[in-house]
Amino acid sequence: MSGETKAKAKKRMEKKEKRANEITTPPAQQITPKLGTFRAERHILCNTKNASELERLARVLRTYEWVDHRAKVARKEDQITERDQVDQVRRQKGGATREAGVAEANRVDVPTQRDSEPMTGGRFTQLEEEAKEVEKVVIKLRAQAVIREGAIENEEAAQEASNHELSEVRISFASRRFFFFHIG
């Protein structure tokens, strides 16, 4: 090959290398800065997604805690109510126990009071006497009622017998009239 062809070939080769360098270099120079921007945007986007997810999870957590606290408050209120009811029952039991003690003491004292009252003309004796008088009146009224019921039954029987006799007399009278009427 001649020198001229060699130089031309060399020149063409240099042009092709330069062109190849231009083709490969600019994309690398263009991509690298954009790659950095994309990485920064990806980092911001990931942080935003993470922040949004964190906010959502925080809301879910607050909701759960609120519901949980409400349930605890309700349980505590129930416990307080039960405790109040237990205290009230204990107070009632104490009152009933005291009343039972007083009643037991009174029960023991009643025979003594009853025995001592007739001598002093006490209220108990007066009430007993009134009760006996009322009982006597009731017995008397019952006896009178029984006697009157018997009298009523006797009167009804007598009235029935009289009615029967009257009907027999009417029949007899009617038959006599019939007899006299036909004979005469």
N, C-alpha and C. Protein backbone atom coordinates (compact mmCIF):
# COMPACT_ATOMS: atom_id res chain seq x y z
N MET A 1 0.81 -1.13 0.00
CA MET A 1 0.00 0.00 0.00
C MET A 1 0.89 1.23 0.00
N SER A 2 0.33 2.10 -0.51
CA SER A 2 1.12 3.28 -0.67
C SER A 2 0.98 4.12 0.57
N GLY A 3 1.84 5.07 0.70
CA GLY A 3 1.88 5.93 1.87
C GLY A 3 0.63 6.77 1.96
N GLU A 4 0.18 7.09 0.77
CA GLU A 4 -1.02 7.90 0.77
C GLU A 4 -2.20 7.08 1.25
N THR A 5 -2.36 5.91 0.88
CA THR A 5 -3.46 5.05 1.29
C THR A 5 -3.33 4.72 2.76
N LYS A 6 -2.11 4.58 3.16
CA LYS A 6 -1.90 4.27 4.57
C LYS A 6 -2.33 5.46 5.40
N ALA A 7 -1.99 6.60 5.01
CA ALA A 7 -2.32 7.80 5.76
C ALA A 7 -3.83 7.98 5.76
N LYS A 8 -4.42 7.71 4.59
CA LYS A 8 -5.87 7.83 4.52
C LYS A 8 -6.52 6.81 5.45
N ALA A 9 -6.02 5.60 5.42
CA ALA A 9 -6.59 4.54 6.27
C ALA A 9 -6.38 4.91 7.73
N LYS A 10 -5.22 5.46 8.04
CA LYS A 10 -4.94 5.85 9.41
C LYS A 10 -5.88 6.98 9.80
N LYS A 11 -6.09 7.89 8.92
CA LYS A 11 -6.96 9.01 9.19
C LYS A 11 -8.39 8.50 9.40
N ARG A 12 -8.80 7.58 8.58
CA ARG A 12 -10.14 7.02 8.74
C ARG A 12 -10.27 6.29 10.07
N MET A 13 -9.23 5.60 10.40
CA MET A 13 -9.22 4.87 11.67
C MET A 13 -9.30 5.85 12.84
N GLU A 14 -8.61 6.91 12.81
CA GLU A 14 -8.64 7.91 13.86
C GLU A 14 -10.03 8.52 13.96
N LYS A 15 -10.64 8.78 12.78
CA LYS A 15 -11.98 9.34 12.77
C LYS A 15 -12.96 8.36 13.41
N LYS A 16 -12.82 7.10 13.05
CA LYS A 16 -13.73 6.10 13.59
C LYS A 16 -13.53 5.94 15.09
N GLU A 17 -12.28 6.00 15.54
CA GLU A 17 -12.02 5.92 16.98
C GLU A 17 -12.60 7.13 17.70
N LYS A 18 -12.40 8.30 17.08
CA LYS A 18 -12.93 9.52 17.66
C LYS A 18 -14.45 9.42 17.72
N ARG A 19 -15.03 8.95 16.64
CA ARG A 19 -16.48 8.81 16.60
C ARG A 19 -16.95 7.78 17.63
N ALA A 20 -16.23 6.69 17.75
CA ALA A 20 -16.57 5.66 18.74
C ALA A 20 -16.44 6.25 20.15
N ASN A 21 -15.39 7.04 20.38
CA ASN A 21 -15.22 7.70 21.68
C ASN A 21 -16.37 8.68 21.93
N GLU A 22 -16.75 9.40 20.89
CA GLU A 22 -17.86 10.34 21.06
C GLU A 22 -19.16 9.58 21.38
N ILE A 23 -19.35 8.45 20.74
CA ILE A 23 -20.58 7.68 20.96
C ILE A 23 -20.56 7.08 22.37
N THR A 24 -19.47 6.53 22.84
CA THR A 24 -19.42 5.89 24.15
C THR A 24 -19.25 6.88 25.28
N THR A 25 -18.54 7.94 25.12
CA THR A 25 -18.28 8.90 26.19
C THR A 25 -19.51 9.72 26.53
N PRO A 26 -20.18 10.33 25.60
CA PRO A 26 -21.31 11.15 26.00
C PRO A 26 -22.39 10.39 26.78
N PRO A 27 -22.78 9.16 26.37
CA PRO A 27 -23.78 8.49 27.20
C PRO A 27 -23.29 8.27 28.63
N ALA A 28 -22.08 7.93 28.82
CA ALA A 28 -21.56 7.72 30.17
C ALA A 28 -21.57 9.04 30.92
N GLN A 29 -21.18 10.14 30.23
CA GLN A 29 -21.18 11.45 30.88
C GLN A 29 -22.61 11.92 31.13
N GLN A 30 -23.55 11.56 30.26
CA GLN A 30 -24.94 11.96 30.45
C GLN A 30 -25.64 11.07 31.49
N ILE A 31 -25.33 9.82 31.49
CA ILE A 31 -26.01 8.88 32.39
C ILE A 31 -25.55 9.06 33.83
N THR A 32 -24.28 9.27 34.05
CA THR A 32 -23.74 9.36 35.40
C THR A 32 -24.39 10.49 36.19
N PRO A 33 -24.48 11.72 35.67
CA PRO A 33 -25.16 12.75 36.45
C PRO A 33 -26.64 12.43 36.67
N LYS A 34 -27.29 11.89 35.62
CA LYS A 34 -28.70 11.54 35.77
C LYS A 34 -28.86 10.38 36.74
N LEU A 35 -27.91 9.46 36.73
CA LEU A 35 -27.96 8.34 37.66
C LEU A 35 -27.92 8.84 39.10
N GLY A 36 -27.10 9.82 39.35
CA GLY A 36 -27.04 10.42 40.69
C GLY A 36 -28.38 11.06 41.06
N THR A 37 -28.99 11.78 40.11
CA THR A 37 -30.29 12.42 40.34
C THR A 37 -31.35 11.35 40.61
N PHE A 38 -31.32 10.30 39.79
CA PHE A 38 -32.29 9.21 39.99
C PHE A 38 -32.11 8.55 41.37
N ARG A 39 -30.85 8.37 41.76
CA ARG A 39 -30.60 7.78 43.08
C ARG A 39 -31.14 8.68 44.20
N ALA A 40 -30.94 9.97 44.06
CA ALA A 40 -31.43 10.92 45.07
C ALA A 40 -32.97 10.90 45.10
N GLU A 41 -33.58 10.90 43.90
CA GLU A 41 -35.04 10.85 43.84
C GLU A 41 -35.56 9.53 44.44
N ARG A 42 -34.85 8.42 44.14
CA ARG A 42 -35.24 7.13 44.72
C ARG A 42 -35.14 7.16 46.24
N HIS A 43 -34.11 7.77 46.75
CA HIS A 43 -33.91 7.88 48.19
C HIS A 43 -35.04 8.72 48.80
N ILE A 44 -35.39 9.84 48.16
CA ILE A 44 -36.47 10.71 48.65
C ILE A 44 -37.80 9.95 48.59
N LEU A 45 -38.04 9.25 47.46
CA LEU A 45 -39.27 8.51 47.30
C LEU A 45 -39.39 7.40 48.35
N CYS A 46 -38.28 6.69 48.57
CA CYS A 46 -38.29 5.63 49.60
C CYS A 46 -38.56 6.23 50.97
N ASN A 47 -37.93 7.34 51.26
CA ASN A 47 -38.16 8.00 52.55
C ASN A 47 -39.62 8.46 52.67
N THR A 48 -40.18 8.97 51.56
CA THR A 48 -41.57 9.41 51.58
C THR A 48 -42.49 8.22 51.80
N LYS A 49 -42.22 7.11 51.07
CA LYS A 49 -43.02 5.90 51.25
C LYS A 49 -42.89 5.39 52.68
N ASN A 50 -41.69 5.39 53.18
CA ASN A 50 -41.47 4.93 54.55
C ASN A 50 -42.17 5.84 55.55
N ALA A 51 -42.10 7.15 55.28
CA ALA A 51 -42.75 8.10 56.18
C ALA A 51 -44.27 7.90 56.15
N SER A 52 -44.81 7.71 54.94
CA SER A 52 -46.25 7.48 54.83
C SER A 52 -46.64 6.19 55.55
N GLU A 53 -45.86 5.16 55.36
CA GLU A 53 -46.13 3.88 56.02
C GLU A 53 -46.00 4.03 57.53
N LEU A 54 -45.00 4.77 57.96
CA LEU A 54 -44.82 5.02 59.40
C LEU A 54 -46.01 5.80 59.96
N GLU A 55 -46.47 6.79 59.24
CA GLU A 55 -47.63 7.56 59.69
C GLU A 55 -48.87 6.67 59.79
N ARG A 56 -49.08 5.83 58.79
CA ARG A 56 -50.22 4.92 58.79
C ARG A 56 -50.13 3.96 59.98
N LEU A 57 -48.95 3.39 60.18
CA LEU A 57 -48.76 2.48 61.31
C LEU A 57 -48.93 3.19 62.65
N ALA A 58 -48.51 4.44 62.72
CA ALA A 58 -48.69 5.23 63.95
C ALA A 58 -50.17 5.44 64.23
N ARG A 59 -50.95 5.74 63.17
CA ARG A 59 -52.39 5.91 63.35
C ARG A 59 -53.04 4.61 63.81
N VAL A 60 -52.64 3.49 63.20
CA VAL A 60 -53.18 2.19 63.60
C VAL A 60 -52.83 1.91 65.06
N LEU A 61 -51.59 2.22 65.43
CA LEU A 61 -51.15 2.00 66.82
C LEU A 61 -51.94 2.87 67.79
N ARG A 62 -52.15 4.15 67.46
CA ARG A 62 -52.92 5.03 68.33
C ARG A 62 -54.36 4.54 68.47
N THR A 63 -54.93 4.07 67.36
CA THR A 63 -56.30 3.54 67.41
C THR A 63 -56.36 2.32 68.31
N TYR A 64 -55.41 1.41 68.15
CA TYR A 64 -55.38 0.22 69.00
C TYR A 64 -55.22 0.60 70.46
N GLU A 65 -54.32 1.52 70.75
CA GLU A 65 -54.10 1.95 72.14
C GLU A 65 -55.36 2.59 72.70
N TRP A 66 -56.07 3.39 71.90
CA TRP A 66 -57.30 4.04 72.36
C TRP A 66 -58.35 2.98 72.70
N VAL A 67 -58.54 2.01 71.79
CA VAL A 67 -59.52 0.94 72.02
C VAL A 67 -59.12 0.13 73.25
N ASP A 68 -57.84 -0.17 73.38
CA ASP A 68 -57.34 -0.94 74.52
C ASP A 68 -57.56 -0.18 75.82
N HIS A 69 -57.30 1.12 75.82
CA HIS A 69 -57.50 1.93 77.03
C HIS A 69 -58.98 2.02 77.39
N ARG A 70 -59.84 2.15 76.38
CA ARG A 70 -61.28 2.19 76.65
C ARG A 70 -61.74 0.87 77.30
N ALA A 71 -61.21 -0.25 76.80
CA ALA A 71 -61.56 -1.55 77.37
C ALA A 71 -61.07 -1.63 78.82
N LYS A 72 -59.85 -1.14 79.07
CA LYS A 72 -59.33 -1.14 80.44
C LYS A 72 -60.18 -0.28 81.35
N VAL A 73 -60.59 0.89 80.85
CA VAL A 73 -61.44 1.79 81.65
C VAL A 73 -62.76 1.09 81.98
N ALA A 74 -63.35 0.42 80.99
CA ALA A 74 -64.62 -0.28 81.21
C ALA A 74 -64.44 -1.38 82.25
N ARG A 75 -63.33 -2.14 82.16
CA ARG A 75 -63.07 -3.19 83.14
C ARG A 75 -62.89 -2.60 84.54
N LYS A 76 -62.17 -1.49 84.63
CA LYS A 76 -61.97 -0.85 85.93
C LYS A 76 -63.29 -0.34 86.50
N GLU A 77 -64.13 0.25 85.63
CA GLU A 77 -65.44 0.72 86.09
C GLU A 77 -66.27 -0.44 86.61
N ASP A 78 -66.21 -1.59 85.91
CA ASP A 78 -66.93 -2.78 86.37
C ASP A 78 -66.39 -3.24 87.72
N GLN A 79 -65.07 -3.22 87.87
CA GLN A 79 -64.47 -3.63 89.14
C GLN A 79 -64.90 -2.69 90.26
N ILE A 80 -64.93 -1.39 89.97
CA ILE A 80 -65.34 -0.41 90.98
C ILE A 80 -66.80 -0.64 91.36
N THR A 81 -67.65 -0.89 90.36
CA THR A 81 -69.06 -1.15 90.63
C THR A 81 -69.21 -2.41 91.49
N GLU A 82 -68.47 -3.46 91.13
CA GLU A 82 -68.53 -4.69 91.92
C GLU A 82 -68.04 -4.44 93.34
N ARG A 83 -66.97 -3.67 93.48
CA ARG A 83 -66.43 -3.37 94.80
C ARG A 83 -67.45 -2.58 95.62
N ASP A 84 -68.12 -1.61 94.96
CA ASP A 84 -69.15 -0.84 95.66
C ASP A 84 -70.30 -1.75 96.09
N GLN A 85 -70.70 -2.67 95.21
CA GLN A 85 -71.78 -3.59 95.55
C GLN A 85 -71.37 -4.50 96.72
N VAL A 86 -70.13 -4.97 96.69
CA VAL A 86 -69.64 -5.81 97.78
C VAL A 86 -69.63 -5.03 99.08
N ASP A 87 -69.17 -3.78 99.03
CA ASP A 87 -69.17 -2.93 100.23
C ASP A 87 -70.59 -2.72 100.73
N GLN A 88 -71.53 -2.48 99.83
CA GLN A 88 -72.92 -2.27 100.22
C GLN A 88 -73.48 -3.54 100.87
N VAL A 89 -73.19 -4.70 100.29
CA VAL A 89 -73.66 -5.95 100.87
C VAL A 89 -73.03 -6.16 102.24
N ARG A 90 -71.76 -5.82 102.38
CA ARG A 90 -71.11 -5.95 103.69
C ARG A 90 -71.78 -5.04 104.72
N ARG A 91 -72.10 -3.80 104.30
CA ARG A 91 -72.78 -2.89 105.22
C ARG A 91 -74.15 -3.43 105.61
N GLN A 92 -74.88 -3.94 104.61
CA GLN A 92 -76.20 -4.51 104.89
C GLN A 92 -76.08 -5.72 105.81
N LYS A 93 -75.05 -6.53 105.58
CA LYS A 93 -74.83 -7.70 106.43
C LYS A 93 -74.53 -7.27 107.85
N GLY A 94 -73.70 -6.24 107.98
CA GLY A 94 -73.38 -5.73 109.31
C GLY A 94 -74.63 -5.21 110.00
N GLY A 95 -75.47 -4.45 109.26
CA GLY A 95 -76.71 -3.94 109.83
C GLY A 95 -77.64 -5.07 110.23
N ALA A 96 -77.74 -6.07 109.37
CA ALA A 96 -78.61 -7.21 109.67
C ALA A 96 -78.08 -7.98 110.88
N THR A 97 -76.76 -8.10 110.98
CA THR A 97 -76.17 -8.79 112.13
C THR A 97 -76.47 -8.04 113.41
N ARG A 98 -76.35 -6.70 113.35
CA ARG A 98 -76.67 -5.89 114.54
C ARG A 98 -78.13 -6.05 114.91
N GLU A 99 -79.01 -5.98 113.89
CA GLU A 99 -80.44 -6.13 114.16
C GLU A 99 -80.75 -7.51 114.73
N ALA A 100 -80.07 -8.53 114.21
CA ALA A 100 -80.28 -9.88 114.73
C ALA A 100 -79.84 -9.97 116.19
N GLY A 101 -78.73 -9.31 116.49
CA GLY A 101 -78.25 -9.30 117.88
C GLY A 101 -79.25 -8.61 118.79
N VAL A 102 -79.78 -7.47 118.33
CA VAL A 102 -80.78 -6.75 119.13
C VAL A 102 -82.03 -7.60 119.29
N ALA A 103 -82.47 -8.24 118.20
CA ALA A 103 -83.66 -9.08 118.25
C ALA A 103 -83.44 -10.26 119.19
N GLU A 104 -82.27 -10.84 119.15
CA GLU A 104 -81.96 -11.96 120.05
C GLU A 104 -81.98 -11.50 121.50
N ALA A 105 -81.42 -10.33 121.75
CA ALA A 105 -81.44 -9.79 123.12
C ALA A 105 -82.88 -9.51 123.54
N ASN A 106 -83.69 -8.95 122.65
CA ASN A 106 -85.09 -8.70 122.96
C ASN A 106 -85.85 -10.00 123.18
N ARG A 107 -85.52 -11.02 122.38
CA ARG A 107 -86.19 -12.31 122.54
C ARG A 107 -85.95 -12.88 123.92
N VAL A 108 -84.74 -12.72 124.40
CA VAL A 108 -84.41 -13.21 125.73
C VAL A 108 -85.13 -12.37 126.79
N ASP A 109 -85.27 -11.07 126.55
CA ASP A 109 -85.88 -10.18 127.54
C ASP A 109 -87.41 -10.24 127.54
N VAL A 110 -88.04 -10.69 126.46
CA VAL A 110 -89.50 -10.67 126.36
C VAL A 110 -90.16 -11.49 127.48
N PRO A 111 -89.73 -12.74 127.72
CA PRO A 111 -90.40 -13.46 128.82
C PRO A 111 -90.28 -12.73 130.16
N THR A 112 -89.12 -12.13 130.39
CA THR A 112 -88.92 -11.40 131.64
C THR A 112 -89.86 -10.21 131.69
N GLN A 113 -89.97 -9.46 130.59
CA GLN A 113 -90.87 -8.31 130.55
C GLN A 113 -92.31 -8.76 130.69
N ARG A 114 -92.67 -9.85 130.03
CA ARG A 114 -94.04 -10.34 130.09
C ARG A 114 -94.40 -10.74 131.51
N ASP A 115 -93.46 -11.38 132.17
CA ASP A 115 -93.72 -11.79 133.55
C ASP A 115 -93.81 -10.60 134.48
N SER A 116 -93.03 -9.55 134.23
CA SER A 116 -93.04 -8.40 135.13
C SER A 116 -94.17 -7.43 134.81
N GLU A 117 -94.67 -7.42 133.58
CA GLU A 117 -95.70 -6.46 133.19
C GLU A 117 -97.04 -6.68 133.88
N PRO A 118 -97.51 -7.90 134.13
CA PRO A 118 -98.80 -8.03 134.79
C PRO A 118 -98.83 -7.32 136.15
N MET A 119 -97.72 -7.30 136.79
CA MET A 119 -97.66 -6.65 138.08
C MET A 119 -97.72 -5.14 137.94
N THR A 120 -97.16 -4.64 136.87
CA THR A 120 -97.10 -3.19 136.69
C THR A 120 -98.21 -2.68 135.79
N GLY A 121 -99.04 -3.57 135.24
CA GLY A 121 -100.13 -3.15 134.36
C GLY A 121 -99.60 -2.63 133.04
N GLY A 122 -98.65 -3.33 132.44
CA GLY A 122 -97.99 -2.87 131.22
C GLY A 122 -98.85 -3.00 129.98
N ARG A 123 -98.36 -2.48 128.93
CA ARG A 123 -99.04 -2.44 127.64
C ARG A 123 -99.29 -3.85 127.11
N PHE A 124 -98.33 -4.75 127.30
CA PHE A 124 -98.47 -6.12 126.81
C PHE A 124 -99.67 -6.81 127.45
N THR A 125 -99.82 -6.64 128.74
CA THR A 125 -100.94 -7.25 129.45
C THR A 125 -102.25 -6.67 128.95
N GLN A 126 -102.27 -5.38 128.74
CA GLN A 126 -103.48 -4.71 128.24
C GLN A 126 -103.85 -5.28 126.87
N LEU A 127 -102.86 -5.43 126.00
CA LEU A 127 -103.13 -5.97 124.67
C LEU A 127 -103.61 -7.42 124.75
N GLU A 128 -103.03 -8.20 125.65
CA GLU A 128 -103.48 -9.59 125.81
C GLU A 128 -104.94 -9.62 126.24
N GLU A 129 -105.30 -8.77 127.19
CA GLU A 129 -106.68 -8.72 127.67
C GLU A 129 -107.63 -8.29 126.56
N GLU A 130 -107.24 -7.30 125.79
CA GLU A 130 -108.08 -6.86 124.67
C GLU A 130 -108.25 -7.99 123.65
N ALA A 131 -107.17 -8.71 123.40
CA ALA A 131 -107.24 -9.83 122.46
C ALA A 131 -108.18 -10.91 122.98
N LYS A 132 -108.15 -11.18 124.27
CA LYS A 132 -109.06 -12.19 124.84
C LYS A 132 -110.51 -11.74 124.72
N GLU A 133 -110.77 -10.45 124.97
CA GLU A 133 -112.13 -9.93 124.86
C GLU A 133 -112.62 -10.04 123.42
N VAL A 134 -111.78 -9.67 122.47
CA VAL A 134 -112.15 -9.76 121.05
C VAL A 134 -112.39 -11.21 120.68
N GLU A 135 -111.59 -12.10 121.20
CA GLU A 135 -111.77 -13.53 120.91
C GLU A 135 -113.10 -14.03 121.46
N LYS A 136 -113.49 -13.57 122.65
CA LYS A 136 -114.78 -13.95 123.23
C LYS A 136 -115.92 -13.47 122.35
N VAL A 137 -115.83 -12.22 121.88
CA VAL A 137 -116.88 -11.66 121.03
C VAL A 137 -116.97 -12.46 119.73
N VAL A 138 -115.82 -12.80 119.17
CA VAL A 138 -115.81 -13.57 117.92
C VAL A 138 -116.47 -14.92 118.15
N ILE A 139 -116.14 -15.59 119.25
CA ILE A 139 -116.72 -16.91 119.53
C ILE A 139 -118.24 -16.78 119.70
N LYS A 140 -118.70 -15.74 120.42
CA LYS A 140 -120.12 -15.52 120.64
C LYS A 140 -120.83 -15.29 119.30
N LEU A 141 -120.20 -14.46 118.43
CA LEU A 141 -120.82 -14.17 117.13
C LEU A 141 -120.87 -15.42 116.26
N ARG A 142 -119.84 -16.24 116.31
CA ARG A 142 -119.85 -17.48 115.54
C ARG A 142 -120.97 -18.40 116.03
N ALA A 143 -121.11 -18.50 117.34
CA ALA A 143 -122.17 -19.36 117.88
C ALA A 143 -123.54 -18.85 117.44
N GLN A 144 -123.75 -17.53 117.52
CA GLN A 144 -125.02 -16.96 117.09
C GLN A 144 -125.27 -17.23 115.61
N ALA A 145 -124.20 -17.14 114.81
CA ALA A 145 -124.34 -17.39 113.37
C ALA A 145 -124.74 -18.82 113.12
N VAL A 146 -124.14 -19.78 113.86
CA VAL A 146 -124.48 -21.19 113.70
C VAL A 146 -125.94 -21.43 114.09
N ILE A 147 -126.35 -20.80 115.23
CA ILE A 147 -127.73 -20.96 115.68
C ILE A 147 -128.68 -20.40 114.64
N ARG A 148 -128.39 -19.23 114.12
CA ARG A 148 -129.28 -18.60 113.13
C ARG A 148 -129.32 -19.41 111.84
N GLU A 149 -128.18 -19.96 111.44
CA GLU A 149 -128.18 -20.81 110.24
C GLU A 149 -129.08 -22.01 110.45
N GLY A 150 -129.02 -22.60 111.67
CA GLY A 150 -129.90 -23.74 111.98
C GLY A 150 -131.35 -23.32 111.94
N ALA A 151 -131.66 -22.15 112.50
CA ALA A 151 -133.03 -21.67 112.50
C ALA A 151 -133.51 -21.43 111.07
N ILE A 152 -132.63 -20.87 110.25
CA ILE A 152 -133.00 -20.62 108.85
C ILE A 152 -133.27 -21.94 108.14
N GLU A 153 -132.44 -22.92 108.38
CA GLU A 153 -132.65 -24.22 107.76
C GLU A 153 -133.99 -24.82 108.22
N ASN A 154 -134.27 -24.69 109.53
CA ASN A 154 -135.55 -25.21 110.05
C ASN A 154 -136.73 -24.47 109.41
N GLU A 155 -136.64 -23.15 109.30
CA GLU A 155 -137.71 -22.36 108.69
C GLU A 155 -137.90 -22.76 107.23
N GLU A 156 -136.79 -22.96 106.52
CA GLU A 156 -136.89 -23.36 105.12
C GLU A 156 -137.57 -24.72 105.00
N ALA A 157 -137.20 -25.65 105.91
CA ALA A 157 -137.82 -26.98 105.88
C ALA A 157 -139.31 -26.86 106.19
N ALA A 158 -139.66 -26.03 107.18
CA ALA A 158 -141.07 -25.85 107.54
C ALA A 158 -141.84 -25.21 106.39
N GLN A 159 -141.21 -24.22 105.72
CA GLN A 159 -141.87 -23.55 104.59
C GLN A 159 -142.08 -24.55 103.47
N GLU A 160 -141.11 -25.40 103.24
CA GLU A 160 -141.25 -26.40 102.18
C GLU A 160 -142.38 -27.36 102.53
N ALA A 161 -142.45 -27.76 103.79
CA ALA A 161 -143.53 -28.66 104.22
C ALA A 161 -144.88 -27.97 104.06
N SER A 162 -144.93 -26.68 104.42
CA SER A 162 -146.19 -25.92 104.28
C SER A 162 -146.58 -25.80 102.82
N ASN A 163 -145.63 -25.54 101.97
CA ASN A 163 -145.91 -25.45 100.52
C ASN A 163 -146.43 -26.78 100.00
N HIS A 164 -145.84 -27.86 100.51
CA HIS A 164 -146.27 -29.18 100.07
C HIS A 164 -147.71 -29.44 100.53
N GLU A 165 -147.98 -29.09 101.80
CA GLU A 165 -149.34 -29.26 102.32
C GLU A 165 -150.33 -28.39 101.55
N LEU A 166 -149.93 -27.16 101.25
CA LEU A 166 -150.80 -26.25 100.52
C LEU A 166 -151.13 -26.82 99.15
N SER A 167 -150.12 -27.35 98.49
CA SER A 167 -150.38 -27.93 97.17
C SER A 167 -151.30 -29.14 97.28
N GLU A 168 -151.15 -29.93 98.36
CA GLU A 168 -152.04 -31.07 98.54
C GLU A 168 -153.47 -30.59 98.79
N VAL A 169 -153.61 -29.51 99.60
CA VAL A 169 -154.93 -28.96 99.88
C VAL A 169 -155.56 -28.44 98.60
N ARG A 170 -154.84 -27.78 97.78
CA ARG A 170 -155.36 -27.26 96.51
C ARG A 170 -155.82 -28.40 95.62
N ILE A 171 -154.97 -29.44 95.58
CA ILE A 171 -155.35 -30.58 94.74
C ILE A 171 -156.64 -31.22 95.30
N SER A 172 -156.68 -31.35 96.62
CA SER A 172 -157.86 -31.94 97.26
C SER A 172 -159.08 -31.06 97.03
N PHE A 173 -158.91 -29.75 97.17
CA PHE A 173 -160.01 -28.83 96.97
C PHE A 173 -160.49 -28.87 95.52
N ALA A 174 -159.55 -28.91 94.62
CA ALA A 174 -159.92 -28.95 93.21
C ALA A 174 -160.65 -30.24 92.89
N SER A 175 -160.20 -31.33 93.46
CA SER A 175 -160.87 -32.60 93.18
C SER A 175 -162.27 -32.62 93.80
N ARG A 176 -162.48 -32.01 94.96
CA ARG A 176 -163.80 -31.94 95.58
C ARG A 176 -164.72 -31.07 94.73
N ARG A 177 -164.19 -29.95 94.29
CA ARG A 177 -165.00 -29.09 93.45
C ARG A 177 -165.42 -29.82 92.19
N PHE A 178 -164.51 -30.54 91.64
CA PHE A 178 -164.80 -31.29 90.45
C PHE A 178 -165.89 -32.33 90.76
N PHE A 179 -165.71 -32.98 91.90
CA PHE A 179 -166.65 -34.01 92.28
C PHE A 179 -168.05 -33.39 92.52
N PHE A 180 -168.12 -32.27 93.27
CA PHE A 180 -169.41 -31.61 93.54
C PHE A 180 -170.00 -30.99 92.27
N PHE A 181 -169.15 -30.56 91.45
CA PHE A 181 -169.64 -29.91 90.25
C PHE A 181 -170.32 -30.95 89.34
N HIS A 182 -169.77 -32.12 89.25
CA HIS A 182 -170.32 -33.16 88.40
C HIS A 182 -171.53 -33.85 89.04
N ILE A 183 -171.55 -33.89 90.28
CA ILE A 183 -172.66 -34.55 90.96
C ILE A 183 -173.87 -33.61 90.98
N GLY A 184 -173.63 -32.45 91.23
CA GLY A 184 -174.72 -31.54 91.47
C GLY A 184 -175.33 -30.98 90.29
